[in-house]
Amino acid sequence: MRTARRATRRAALHTGPMSDWNQQIIDEFRANGGDVATNGFGKGLVLLHHRGARTGTERTSPVAAIPDGSGAWFVAASKGGAPDNPAWYHNLLAHPDVEIETPDDGTVDVHAAELVGRERDDAWELFKQRSEGFRSYEERTSRTIPVLRLTRR
């Protein structure tokens, strides 16, 4: 019985309004060559394919990405300014070799590395310059929002 309850609880974590919203964004991304009109994302997203840190379950998450100018991308684990990091962040720390779908390059194998210090701060500034939303996320939370670089493998 306990195992069944745990499975139900886990399934509930990946269903509901946020999961539905993510799937709509994923569908729009794929239908329009990476151009997502919803929320004005345009071509500013990538689809991050990652494995659950504990479960190993394959997942796909749309995330805002900023090219770093060297063929890599920055992603910020902002979670809308929530007090905790998004699940995909923990998954990348556990399994850093992943793939992304991009608007311009198709599917790309990448390695995720968390940025620290000045490098993190400089990359985070790019997100805040990109959108008022990112500036407000920082104001809503007491945590330092992690930024990762996704480098081609």
Protein backbone atom coordinates (compact mmCIF):
# COMPACT_ATOMS: atom_id res chain seq x y z
CA MET A 1 0.00 0.00 0.00
CA ARG A 2 2.78 2.43 0.92
CA THR A 3 4.48 1.86 -2.46
CA ALA A 4 1.24 2.60 -4.31
CA ARG A 5 0.81 5.85 -2.34
CA ARG A 6 4.37 6.90 -3.14
CA ALA A 7 3.83 6.20 -6.85
CA THR A 8 0.60 8.21 -6.80
CA ARG A 9 2.33 11.09 -5.03
CA ARG A 10 5.21 11.03 -7.54
CA ALA A 11 2.78 10.99 -10.47
CA ALA A 12 0.93 13.96 -8.97
CA LEU A 13 4.16 15.95 -8.96
CA HIS A 14 4.36 15.67 -12.76
CA THR A 15 0.75 16.38 -13.62
CA GLY A 16 -1.48 19.36 -13.16
CA PRO A 17 -1.45 22.93 -14.41
CA MET A 18 2.34 23.45 -14.61
CA SER A 19 2.89 20.15 -16.37
CA ASP A 20 0.08 20.99 -18.81
CA TRP A 21 1.55 24.46 -19.41
CA ASN A 22 5.01 22.99 -20.04
CA GLN A 23 3.56 20.51 -22.53
CA GLN A 24 1.79 23.33 -24.38
CA ILE A 25 5.09 25.21 -24.64
CA ILE A 26 6.90 22.06 -25.80
CA ASP A 27 4.23 21.42 -28.45
CA GLU A 28 4.35 25.02 -29.68
CA PHE A 29 8.17 24.94 -29.78
CA ARG A 30 8.18 21.81 -31.93
CA ALA A 31 5.32 22.93 -34.19
CA ASN A 32 6.94 26.29 -34.97
CA GLY A 33 10.64 25.54 -35.30
CA GLY A 34 11.42 26.77 -31.81
CA ASP A 35 9.45 30.00 -32.09
CA VAL A 36 7.10 30.24 -29.08
CA ALA A 37 4.62 33.14 -29.16
CA THR A 38 3.20 32.27 -25.72
CA ASN A 39 4.45 34.81 -23.15
CA GLY A 40 6.61 36.36 -25.88
CA PHE A 41 9.30 33.68 -25.57
CA GLY A 42 10.08 33.83 -29.28
CA LYS A 43 13.20 31.79 -29.98
CA GLY A 44 14.53 32.29 -26.45
CA LEU A 45 13.85 28.76 -25.20
CA VAL A 46 15.50 25.38 -25.47
CA LEU A 47 13.94 22.05 -24.60
CA LEU A 48 16.09 20.42 -21.96
CA HIS A 49 16.08 16.61 -21.96
CA HIS A 50 17.18 15.35 -18.54
CA ARG A 51 16.93 12.32 -16.26
CA GLY A 52 15.50 12.35 -12.76
CA ALA A 53 18.23 12.51 -10.11
CA ARG A 54 16.65 9.70 -8.07
CA THR A 55 14.34 7.96 -10.53
CA GLY A 56 16.29 8.16 -13.77
CA THR A 57 12.98 9.00 -15.48
CA GLU A 58 13.44 10.92 -18.73
CA ARG A 59 11.92 14.41 -18.69
CA THR A 60 11.71 17.41 -20.99
CA SER A 61 11.56 20.96 -19.66
CA PRO A 62 11.30 24.19 -21.64
CA VAL A 63 13.84 26.65 -20.24
CA ALA A 64 14.96 30.14 -21.18
CA ALA A 65 18.44 30.03 -22.69
CA ILE A 66 20.90 32.71 -23.68
CA PRO A 67 23.69 31.87 -26.14
CA ASP A 68 27.07 32.71 -24.60
CA GLY A 69 28.72 33.62 -27.92
CA SER A 70 30.96 30.52 -28.02
CA GLY A 71 28.36 27.94 -29.05
CA ALA A 72 27.18 27.24 -25.49
CA TRP A 73 24.03 28.40 -23.65
CA PHE A 74 23.30 29.84 -20.22
CA VAL A 75 20.21 28.63 -18.36
CA ALA A 76 18.98 30.02 -15.04
CA ALA A 77 17.24 27.89 -12.42
CA SER A 78 14.88 30.72 -11.50
CA LYS A 79 11.61 28.78 -11.03
CA GLY A 80 9.75 32.09 -11.14
CA GLY A 81 11.41 33.27 -7.94
CA ALA A 82 10.20 30.31 -5.87
CA PRO A 83 12.08 29.60 -2.63
CA ASP A 84 13.49 26.34 -4.03
CA ASN A 85 15.29 25.34 -7.22
CA PRO A 86 13.46 23.60 -10.07
CA ALA A 87 13.72 19.82 -10.28
CA TRP A 88 15.62 20.02 -13.57
CA TYR A 89 18.46 21.84 -11.77
CA HIS A 90 18.95 18.93 -9.35
CA ASN A 91 18.69 16.50 -12.25
CA LEU A 92 21.47 18.30 -14.13
CA LEU A 93 23.74 18.21 -11.11
CA ALA A 94 23.21 14.44 -10.84
CA HIS A 95 23.34 13.75 -14.61
CA PRO A 96 25.15 16.65 -16.36
CA ASP A 97 25.42 15.06 -19.81
CA VAL A 98 22.11 15.83 -21.48
CA GLU A 99 20.70 17.03 -24.77
CA ILE A 100 18.75 20.09 -25.74
CA GLU A 101 16.52 20.97 -28.67
CA THR A 102 17.28 24.44 -29.99
CA PRO A 103 15.46 26.67 -32.45
CA ASP A 104 18.49 26.99 -34.74
CA ASP A 105 20.75 23.96 -34.17
CA GLY A 106 18.25 21.14 -33.71
CA THR A 107 19.21 18.55 -31.08
CA VAL A 108 22.57 19.15 -29.39
CA ASP A 109 24.44 17.00 -26.86
CA VAL A 110 25.64 19.22 -24.02
CA HIS A 111 27.36 19.08 -20.65
CA ALA A 112 25.89 21.20 -17.84
CA ALA A 113 28.17 22.98 -15.39
CA GLU A 114 27.06 25.33 -12.63
CA LEU A 115 28.68 28.76 -12.71
CA VAL A 116 30.04 30.34 -9.54
CA GLY A 117 31.28 33.71 -8.42
CA ARG A 118 31.80 36.47 -10.97
CA GLU A 119 31.08 34.13 -13.89
CA ARG A 120 27.64 33.32 -12.43
CA ASP A 121 26.93 36.97 -11.63
CA ASP A 122 27.84 38.13 -15.15
CA ALA A 123 25.64 35.46 -16.74
CA TRP A 124 22.75 36.29 -14.38
CA GLU A 125 22.99 39.94 -15.45
CA LEU A 126 22.26 38.82 -19.02
CA PHE A 127 19.00 37.25 -17.84
CA LYS A 128 18.01 40.39 -15.92
CA GLN A 129 18.75 42.53 -18.99
CA ARG A 130 16.68 40.21 -21.12
CA SER A 131 13.48 40.42 -19.09
CA GLU A 132 11.80 42.26 -16.26
CA GLY A 133 10.55 38.83 -15.16
CA PHE A 134 14.05 37.69 -14.22
CA ARG A 135 14.63 40.89 -12.24
CA SER A 136 11.42 40.26 -10.31
CA TYR A 137 12.35 36.60 -9.66
CA GLU A 138 15.48 37.74 -7.85
CA GLU A 139 13.41 40.10 -5.69
CA ARG A 140 10.93 37.33 -4.74
CA THR A 141 13.44 34.88 -3.33
CA SER A 142 16.19 34.85 -0.75
CA ARG A 143 18.16 32.15 -2.60
CA THR A 144 20.88 32.86 -5.13
CA ILE A 145 19.42 31.75 -8.46
CA PRO A 146 21.81 29.22 -10.02
CA VAL A 147 23.05 29.72 -13.58
CA LEU A 148 24.47 26.85 -15.61
CA ARG A 149 26.40 26.73 -18.86
CA LEU A 150 25.40 24.07 -21.37
CA THR A 151 28.51 23.33 -23.44
CA ARG A 152 28.49 21.17 -26.57
CA ARG A 153 29.90 17.69 -26.10
